[in-house]
Amino acid sequence: MTREARMNEAFAGLTGTLVATGYDTVEFLHRLTEVCTVLSGTAGAGLVVADRRGELRDVAYSSDRVRRLEALQIDVGEGPCLDCHRTGEPVVERDLDRAGARWPRFAPQALALGFRSVRAVPLRLDGRVVGALNVFDVRTGTEPGHDGPDVIQPLADLAVIALLQHRYGRDRTAAEEIGAALADRTAVERAKGVLAESGGLDMDTAFEVLRSHARRSGTGVAAAARALVDGRIDPAVLLAG
């Protein structure tokens, strides 16, 4: 299959999910970061969005090491996603080894996790920037995701649609819809922690266990997470598969 065919297939799958009834926002956004990583030929991707106070929070990522970098940027107040959200413009760093002056705390940690370059593009809504999509790569000297047709900005636009689509037909603002997505992500993180501790798993594996259970049971990932955290389901049930 050619790259163009893979892109068309991936976008068709994502947009098909968006027009389906009752899709799972957590699952969709996680899948979007996975698709972004594959189609852009990069090593990882993450999404951050602004909450009601305008503060950035991580909402989806392709791996736990990307999550750690997204959380670090927010904690230390520097990095590509913050710059992108502030300026509304794409941010590119082709060699993080030379970015110490630009991001003195973020760059060393990104390098320690094996990433060598990064790119961030804005999530836009009604002329406002509401977040950013970041891609990380292990190579230097190139702009991550620009080896062929650009897929990163279109995927960022799909992320905005996914975050807001559920509000149509409801009396919910964009801020409320984003807040609901962030609350779902918080529940998922807590559930991952429960599974990691109960099963001796790393966080990526814990998420896959939760995700698999949600698919088998026909519930959303966030709903399965809340049932686990609230004690309505035993972790052993999920760990048994």
C-alpha atoms as a PDB file:
ATOM      1  CA  MET A   1       0.000   0.000   0.000  1.00  0.00           C
ATOM      2  CA  THR A   2       1.352   3.423  -0.934  1.00  0.00           C
ATOM      3  CA  ARG A   3       1.755   6.189   1.639  1.00  0.00           C
ATOM      4  CA  GLU A   4      -1.068   8.138  -0.013  1.00  0.00           C
ATOM      5  CA  ALA A   5      -3.342   5.115   0.238  1.00  0.00           C
ATOM      6  CA  ARG A   6      -2.447   4.660   3.919  1.00  0.00           C
ATOM      7  CA  MET A   7      -3.200   8.318   4.555  1.00  0.00           C
ATOM      8  CA  ASN A   8      -6.544   8.119   2.808  1.00  0.00           C
ATOM      9  CA  GLU A   9      -7.470   4.968   4.709  1.00  0.00           C
ATOM     10  CA  ALA A  10      -6.458   6.466   8.058  1.00  0.00           C
ATOM     11  CA  PHE A  11      -8.342   9.726   7.511  1.00  0.00           C
ATOM     12  CA  ALA A  12     -11.401   7.831   6.280  1.00  0.00           C
ATOM     13  CA  GLY A  13     -11.356   5.750   9.455  1.00  0.00           C
ATOM     14  CA  LEU A  14     -11.012   8.767  11.726  1.00  0.00           C
ATOM     15  CA  THR A  15     -13.688  10.838   9.986  1.00  0.00           C
ATOM     16  CA  GLY A  16     -15.987   7.805   9.885  1.00  0.00           C
ATOM     17  CA  THR A  17     -15.707   7.584  13.650  1.00  0.00           C
ATOM     18  CA  LEU A  18     -16.557  11.268  14.015  1.00  0.00           C
ATOM     19  CA  VAL A  19     -19.899  10.880  12.223  1.00  0.00           C
ATOM     20  CA  ALA A  20     -20.834   7.784  14.233  1.00  0.00           C
ATOM     21  CA  THR A  21     -23.216   8.052  17.155  1.00  0.00           C
ATOM     22  CA  GLY A  22     -21.685   8.088  20.617  1.00  0.00           C
ATOM     23  CA  TYR A  23     -18.030   7.702  19.774  1.00  0.00           C
ATOM     24  CA  ASP A  24     -15.536   7.628  22.652  1.00  0.00           C
ATOM     25  CA  THR A  25     -13.578  10.895  22.762  1.00  0.00           C
ATOM     26  CA  VAL A  26     -10.735   9.463  24.861  1.00  0.00           C
ATOM     27  CA  GLU A  27     -10.282   6.507  22.533  1.00  0.00           C
ATOM     28  CA  PHE A  28     -10.556   8.713  19.438  1.00  0.00           C
ATOM     29  CA  LEU A  29      -7.927  11.212  20.557  1.00  0.00           C
ATOM     30  CA  HIS A  30      -5.527   8.477  21.623  1.00  0.00           C
ATOM     31  CA  ARG A  31      -6.012   6.796  18.263  1.00  0.00           C
ATOM     32  CA  LEU A  32      -5.433  10.125  16.528  1.00  0.00           C
ATOM     33  CA  THR A  33      -2.023  10.496  18.201  1.00  0.00           C
ATOM     34  CA  GLU A  34      -1.129   6.956  17.120  1.00  0.00           C
ATOM     35  CA  VAL A  35      -2.203   7.690  13.540  1.00  0.00           C
ATOM     36  CA  CYS A  36      -0.260  10.951  13.627  1.00  0.00           C
ATOM     37  CA  THR A  37       2.894   9.117  14.700  1.00  0.00           C
ATOM     38  CA  VAL A  38       2.575   6.516  11.946  1.00  0.00           C
ATOM     39  CA  LEU A  39       1.597   8.845   9.101  1.00  0.00           C
ATOM     40  CA  SER A  40       4.153  11.530   9.962  1.00  0.00           C
ATOM     41  CA  GLY A  41       6.943   9.008  10.388  1.00  0.00           C
ATOM     42  CA  THR A  42       7.786  10.381  13.824  1.00  0.00           C
ATOM     43  CA  ALA A  43       8.425   8.758  17.205  1.00  0.00           C
ATOM     44  CA  GLY A  44       5.516  10.130  19.234  1.00  0.00           C
ATOM     45  CA  ALA A  45       2.673  12.632  19.370  1.00  0.00           C
ATOM     46  CA  GLY A  46       0.690  14.405  22.066  1.00  0.00           C
ATOM     47  CA  LEU A  47      -2.274  16.762  22.384  1.00  0.00           C
ATOM     48  CA  VAL A  48      -2.653  19.576  24.912  1.00  0.00           C
ATOM     49  CA  VAL A  49      -5.723  21.791  25.316  1.00  0.00           C
ATOM     50  CA  ALA A  50      -6.522  24.849  27.392  1.00  0.00           C
ATOM     51  CA  ASP A  51      -8.943  24.464  30.294  1.00  0.00           C
ATOM     52  CA  ARG A  52     -11.466  27.097  31.422  1.00  0.00           C
ATOM     53  CA  ARG A  53      -8.715  29.113  33.085  1.00  0.00           C
ATOM     54  CA  GLY A  54      -6.661  29.083  29.906  1.00  0.00           C
ATOM     55  CA  GLU A  55      -4.074  26.708  31.370  1.00  0.00           C
ATOM     56  CA  LEU A  56      -2.774  23.926  29.144  1.00  0.00           C
ATOM     57  CA  ARG A  57      -3.396  20.315  30.092  1.00  0.00           C
ATOM     58  CA  ASP A  58      -2.426  17.104  28.330  1.00  0.00           C
ATOM     59  CA  VAL A  59      -5.428  15.266  26.903  1.00  0.00           C
ATOM     60  CA  ALA A  60      -3.966  12.520  24.672  1.00  0.00           C
ATOM     61  CA  TYR A  61      -0.615  11.044  23.701  1.00  0.00           C
ATOM     62  CA  SER A  62       0.813   8.086  21.834  1.00  0.00           C
ATOM     63  CA  SER A  63       2.995   6.841  24.707  1.00  0.00           C
ATOM     64  CA  ASP A  64       3.752   7.500  28.337  1.00  0.00           C
ATOM     65  CA  ARG A  65       7.128   9.065  27.568  1.00  0.00           C
ATOM     66  CA  VAL A  66       5.302  11.655  25.440  1.00  0.00           C
ATOM     67  CA  ARG A  67       2.897  12.228  28.345  1.00  0.00           C
ATOM     68  CA  ARG A  68       5.853  12.882  30.615  1.00  0.00           C
ATOM     69  CA  LEU A  69       7.181  15.524  28.245  1.00  0.00           C
ATOM     70  CA  GLU A  70       3.791  17.194  27.857  1.00  0.00           C
ATOM     71  CA  ALA A  71       3.382  17.308  31.638  1.00  0.00           C
ATOM     72  CA  LEU A  72       6.915  18.663  32.018  1.00  0.00           C
ATOM     73  CA  GLN A  73       6.247  21.538  29.618  1.00  0.00           C
ATOM     74  CA  ILE A  74       3.170  22.514  31.583  1.00  0.00           C
ATOM     75  CA  ASP A  75       4.949  22.194  34.942  1.00  0.00           C
ATOM     76  CA  VAL A  76       8.017  24.243  34.016  1.00  0.00           C
ATOM     77  CA  GLY A  77       6.210  26.716  31.756  1.00  0.00           C
ATOM     78  CA  GLU A  78       8.348  26.231  28.664  1.00  0.00           C
ATOM     79  CA  GLY A  79       8.437  24.123  25.537  1.00  0.00           C
ATOM     80  CA  PRO A  80       7.035  23.901  22.015  1.00  0.00           C
ATOM     81  CA  CYS A  81       3.388  23.406  22.944  1.00  0.00           C
ATOM     82  CA  LEU A  82       3.395  26.479  25.208  1.00  0.00           C
ATOM     83  CA  ASP A  83       5.104  28.595  22.548  1.00  0.00           C
ATOM     84  CA  CYS A  84       2.656  27.369  19.913  1.00  0.00           C
ATOM     85  CA  HIS A  85      -0.369  28.069  22.110  1.00  0.00           C
ATOM     86  CA  ARG A  86       0.893  31.529  23.000  1.00  0.00           C
ATOM     87  CA  THR A  87       1.798  32.663  19.467  1.00  0.00           C
ATOM     88  CA  GLY A  88      -0.750  30.714  17.454  1.00  0.00           C
ATOM     89  CA  GLU A  89       2.035  29.739  15.049  1.00  0.00           C
ATOM     90  CA  PRO A  90       3.754  26.408  14.362  1.00  0.00           C
ATOM     91  CA  VAL A  91       6.925  25.822  16.367  1.00  0.00           C
ATOM     92  CA  VAL A  92       9.838  23.746  15.081  1.00  0.00           C
ATOM     93  CA  GLU A  93      13.106  22.678  16.667  1.00  0.00           C
ATOM     94  CA  ARG A  94      15.223  20.509  14.366  1.00  0.00           C
ATOM     95  CA  ASP A  95      17.942  19.780  16.942  1.00  0.00           C
ATOM     96  CA  LEU A  96      17.051  19.751  20.633  1.00  0.00           C
ATOM     97  CA  ASP A  97      20.725  19.425  21.489  1.00  0.00           C
ATOM     98  CA  ARG A  98      21.038  23.079  20.434  1.00  0.00           C
ATOM     99  CA  ALA A  99      17.850  24.253  22.170  1.00  0.00           C
ATOM    100  CA  GLY A 100      19.245  24.730  25.659  1.00  0.00           C
ATOM    101  CA  ALA A 101      18.939  28.509  25.514  1.00  0.00           C
ATOM    102  CA  ARG A 102      15.429  28.302  24.072  1.00  0.00           C
ATOM    103  CA  TRP A 103      14.113  25.696  26.532  1.00  0.00           C
ATOM    104  CA  PRO A 104      16.704  25.173  29.294  1.00  0.00           C
ATOM    105  CA  ARG A 105      14.569  22.728  31.290  1.00  0.00           C
ATOM    106  CA  PHE A 106      12.511  21.051  28.575  1.00  0.00           C
ATOM    107  CA  ALA A 107      15.272  20.321  26.037  1.00  0.00           C
ATOM    108  CA  PRO A 108      17.521  18.232  28.345  1.00  0.00           C
ATOM    109  CA  GLN A 109      14.576  16.105  29.481  1.00  0.00           C
ATOM    110  CA  ALA A 110      13.415  15.525  25.895  1.00  0.00           C
ATOM    111  CA  LEU A 111      16.941  14.422  24.984  1.00  0.00           C
ATOM    112  CA  ALA A 112      17.089  12.144  28.031  1.00  0.00           C
ATOM    113  CA  LEU A 113      13.920  10.427  26.794  1.00  0.00           C
ATOM    114  CA  GLY A 114      15.475   9.835  23.388  1.00  0.00           C
ATOM    115  CA  PHE A 115      13.869  12.625  21.368  1.00  0.00           C
ATOM    116  CA  ARG A 116      16.042  14.859  19.193  1.00  0.00           C
ATOM    117  CA  SER A 117      13.579  17.149  17.386  1.00  0.00           C
ATOM    118  CA  VAL A 118      10.035  18.448  17.850  1.00  0.00           C
ATOM    119  CA  ARG A 119       7.266  20.248  16.037  1.00  0.00           C
ATOM    120  CA  ALA A 120       4.028  21.769  17.374  1.00  0.00           C
ATOM    121  CA  VAL A 121       1.001  23.009  15.426  1.00  0.00           C
ATOM    122  CA  PRO A 122      -1.978  24.922  16.851  1.00  0.00           C
ATOM    123  CA  LEU A 123      -5.489  23.704  17.546  1.00  0.00           C
ATOM    124  CA  ARG A 124      -7.760  26.525  16.389  1.00  0.00           C
ATOM    125  CA  LEU A 125     -11.419  27.247  17.124  1.00  0.00           C
ATOM    126  CA  ASP A 126     -13.279  30.344  15.910  1.00  0.00           C
ATOM    127  CA  GLY A 127     -10.028  32.243  15.460  1.00  0.00           C
ATOM    128  CA  ARG A 128      -8.714  31.259  18.903  1.00  0.00           C
ATOM    129  CA  VAL A 129      -5.917  28.846  19.718  1.00  0.00           C
ATOM    130  CA  VAL A 130      -7.244  26.255  22.168  1.00  0.00           C
ATOM    131  CA  GLY A 131      -4.263  23.906  22.281  1.00  0.00           C
ATOM    132  CA  ALA A 132      -1.507  22.259  20.291  1.00  0.00           C
ATOM    133  CA  LEU A 133      -0.528  18.984  18.675  1.00  0.00           C
ATOM    134  CA  ASN A 134       3.132  18.044  19.212  1.00  0.00           C
ATOM    135  CA  VAL A 135       5.187  15.489  17.318  1.00  0.00           C
ATOM    136  CA  PHE A 136       8.561  14.242  18.522  1.00  0.00           C
ATOM    137  CA  ASP A 137      11.269  12.467  16.559  1.00  0.00           C
ATOM    138  CA  VAL A 138      14.522  10.676  17.271  1.00  0.00           C
ATOM    139  CA  ARG A 139      16.228  12.269  14.246  1.00  0.00           C
ATOM    140  CA  THR A 140      17.836  15.686  13.929  1.00  0.00           C
ATOM    141  CA  GLY A 141      18.215  18.086  11.029  1.00  0.00           C
ATOM    142  CA  THR A 142      14.722  17.717   9.627  1.00  0.00           C
ATOM    143  CA  GLU A 143      11.346  19.179  10.490  1.00  0.00           C
ATOM    144  CA  PRO A 144       9.377  16.323  12.086  1.00  0.00           C
ATOM    145  CA  GLY A 145       6.525  15.176   9.882  1.00  0.00           C
ATOM    146  CA  HIS A 146       7.649  16.984   6.732  1.00  0.00           C
ATOM    147  CA  ASP A 147       9.089  14.003   4.875  1.00  0.00           C
ATOM    148  CA  GLY A 148       6.017  13.992   2.636  1.00  0.00           C
ATOM    149  CA  PRO A 149       2.509  15.494   2.500  1.00  0.00           C
ATOM    150  CA  ASP A 150       1.805  17.299   5.760  1.00  0.00           C
ATOM    151  CA  VAL A 151      -0.712  15.419   7.895  1.00  0.00           C
ATOM    152  CA  ILE A 152      -0.090  17.070  11.248  1.00  0.00           C
ATOM    153  CA  GLN A 153      -2.191  20.234  10.863  1.00  0.00           C
ATOM    154  CA  PRO A 154      -5.168  18.342   9.344  1.00  0.00           C
ATOM    155  CA  LEU A 155      -5.018  15.927  12.278  1.00  0.00           C
ATOM    156  CA  ALA A 156      -4.936  18.863  14.696  1.00  0.00           C
ATOM    157  CA  ASP A 157      -8.096  20.172  13.021  1.00  0.00           C
ATOM    158  CA  LEU A 158      -9.737  16.750  13.430  1.00  0.00           C
ATOM    159  CA  ALA A 159      -8.831  16.808  17.118  1.00  0.00           C
ATOM    160  CA  VAL A 160     -10.735  20.076  17.559  1.00  0.00           C
ATOM    161  CA  ILE A 161     -13.771  18.588  15.826  1.00  0.00           C
ATOM    162  CA  ALA A 162     -13.583  15.516  18.050  1.00  0.00           C
ATOM    163  CA  LEU A 163     -13.406  17.628  21.202  1.00  0.00           C
ATOM    164  CA  LEU A 164     -16.409  19.725  20.265  1.00  0.00           C
ATOM    165  CA  GLN A 165     -18.703  17.552  18.196  1.00  0.00           C
ATOM    166  CA  HIS A 166     -20.659  16.176  21.155  1.00  0.00           C
ATOM    167  CA  ARG A 167     -21.901  19.664  22.057  1.00  0.00           C
ATOM    168  CA  TYR A 168     -24.115  19.962  18.978  1.00  0.00           C
ATOM    169  CA  GLY A 169     -27.713  19.351  19.944  1.00  0.00           C
ATOM    170  CA  ARG A 170     -26.825  20.066  23.583  1.00  0.00           C
ATOM    171  CA  ASP A 171     -26.683  23.229  25.596  1.00  0.00           C
ATOM    172  CA  ARG A 172     -22.929  23.025  26.122  1.00  0.00           C
ATOM    173  CA  THR A 173     -20.251  25.556  25.339  1.00  0.00           C
ATOM    174  CA  ALA A 174     -16.886  24.751  23.809  1.00  0.00           C
ATOM    175  CA  ALA A 175     -15.258  25.313  27.202  1.00  0.00           C
ATOM    176  CA  GLU A 176     -17.651  22.850  28.840  1.00  0.00           C
ATOM    177  CA  GLU A 177     -16.984  20.236  26.176  1.00  0.00           C
ATOM    178  CA  ILE A 178     -13.233  20.587  26.551  1.00  0.00           C
ATOM    179  CA  GLY A 179     -13.680  20.419  30.326  1.00  0.00           C
ATOM    180  CA  ALA A 180     -15.587  17.152  29.970  1.00  0.00           C
ATOM    181  CA  ALA A 181     -12.800  15.690  27.826  1.00  0.00           C
ATOM    182  CA  LEU A 182     -10.204  16.706  30.410  1.00  0.00           C
ATOM    183  CA  ALA A 183     -12.282  15.142  33.199  1.00  0.00           C
ATOM    184  CA  ASP A 184     -12.429  11.912  31.191  1.00  0.00           C
ATOM    185  CA  ARG A 185      -8.656  11.977  30.787  1.00  0.00           C
ATOM    186  CA  THR A 186      -8.208  12.467  34.548  1.00  0.00           C
ATOM    187  CA  ALA A 187     -10.356   9.392  35.206  1.00  0.00           C
ATOM    188  CA  VAL A 188      -8.318   7.374  32.720  1.00  0.00           C
ATOM    189  CA  GLU A 189      -5.034   8.398  34.355  1.00  0.00           C
ATOM    190  CA  ARG A 190      -6.317   7.322  37.762  1.00  0.00           C
ATOM    191  CA  ALA A 191      -7.483   3.989  36.358  1.00  0.00           C
ATOM    192  CA  LYS A 192      -4.114   3.418  34.703  1.00  0.00           C
ATOM    193  CA  GLY A 193      -2.480   3.967  38.061  1.00  0.00           C
ATOM    194  CA  VAL A 194      -4.755   1.395  39.703  1.00  0.00           C
ATOM    195  CA  LEU A 195      -4.004  -1.175  37.014  1.00  0.00           C
ATOM    196  CA  ALA A 196      -0.284  -0.440  37.041  1.00  0.00           C
ATOM    197  CA  GLU A 197      -0.100  -0.942  40.797  1.00  0.00           C
ATOM    198  CA  SER A 198      -2.373  -4.001  40.845  1.00  0.00           C
ATOM    199  CA  GLY A 199      -0.734  -5.774  37.945  1.00  0.00           C
ATOM    200  CA  GLY A 200       2.832  -4.517  38.145  1.00  0.00           C
ATOM    201  CA  LEU A 201       2.458  -2.911  34.707  1.00  0.00           C
ATOM    202  CA  ASP A 202       3.992   0.109  33.063  1.00  0.00           C
ATOM    203  CA  MET A 203       1.581   2.908  32.201  1.00  0.00           C
ATOM    204  CA  ASP A 204       1.408   2.168  28.472  1.00  0.00           C
ATOM    205  CA  THR A 205       0.493  -1.464  29.135  1.00  0.00           C
ATOM    206  CA  ALA A 206      -2.038  -0.416  31.777  1.00  0.00           C
ATOM    207  CA  PHE A 207      -3.774   1.790  29.232  1.00  0.00           C
ATOM    208  CA  GLU A 208      -3.916  -1.034  26.690  1.00  0.00           C
ATOM    209  CA  VAL A 209      -5.522  -3.286  29.328  1.00  0.00           C
ATOM    210  CA  LEU A 210      -8.131  -0.610  30.034  1.00  0.00           C
ATOM    211  CA  ARG A 211      -8.673   0.026  26.336  1.00  0.00           C
ATOM    212  CA  SER A 212      -9.124  -3.687  25.580  1.00  0.00           C
ATOM    213  CA  HIS A 213     -11.667  -4.079  28.366  1.00  0.00           C
ATOM    214  CA  ALA A 214     -13.631  -1.073  27.085  1.00  0.00           C
ATOM    215  CA  ARG A 215     -13.777  -2.603  23.612  1.00  0.00           C
ATOM    216  CA  ARG A 216     -14.820  -6.042  24.886  1.00  0.00           C
ATOM    217  CA  SER A 217     -17.509  -4.637  27.154  1.00  0.00           C
ATOM    218  CA  GLY A 218     -18.800  -2.088  24.668  1.00  0.00           C
ATOM    219  CA  THR A 219     -18.270   0.796  27.063  1.00  0.00           C
ATOM    220  CA  GLY A 220     -16.133   3.865  26.515  1.00  0.00           C
ATOM    221  CA  VAL A 221     -12.638   4.047  27.926  1.00  0.00           C
ATOM    222  CA  ALA A 222     -13.632   6.829  30.331  1.00  0.00           C
ATOM    223  CA  ALA A 223     -16.680   4.881  31.541  1.00  0.00           C
ATOM    224  CA  ALA A 224     -14.541   1.797  32.157  1.00  0.00           C
ATOM    225  CA  ALA A 225     -11.999   3.950  33.982  1.00  0.00           C
ATOM    226  CA  ARG A 226     -14.620   5.440  36.295  1.00  0.00           C
ATOM    227  CA  ALA A 227     -16.066   1.999  37.070  1.00  0.00           C
ATOM    228  CA  LEU A 228     -12.591   0.809  38.047  1.00  0.00           C
ATOM    229  CA  VAL A 229     -11.730   3.864  40.150  1.00  0.00           C
ATOM    230  CA  ASP A 230     -15.134   3.822  41.881  1.00  0.00           C
ATOM    231  CA  GLY A 231     -14.732   0.173  42.825  1.00  0.00           C
ATOM    232  CA  ARG A 232     -17.587  -1.060  40.643  1.00  0.00           C
ATOM    233  CA  ILE A 233     -15.229  -3.447  38.905  1.00  0.00           C
ATOM    234  CA  ASP A 234     -12.280  -5.349  40.302  1.00  0.00           C
ATOM    235  CA  PRO A 235      -8.880  -4.685  38.669  1.00  0.00           C
ATOM    236  CA  ALA A 236      -8.411  -8.447  38.495  1.00  0.00           C
ATOM    237  CA  VAL A 237     -11.251  -8.659  35.985  1.00  0.00           C
ATOM    238  CA  LEU A 238      -9.453  -6.365  33.587  1.00  0.00           C
ATOM    239  CA  LEU A 239      -6.049  -7.918  34.215  1.00  0.00           C
ATOM    240  CA  ALA A 240      -7.459 -11.392  33.477  1.00  0.00           C
ATOM    241  CA  GLY A 241      -8.498 -10.178  30.031  1.00  0.00           C
END
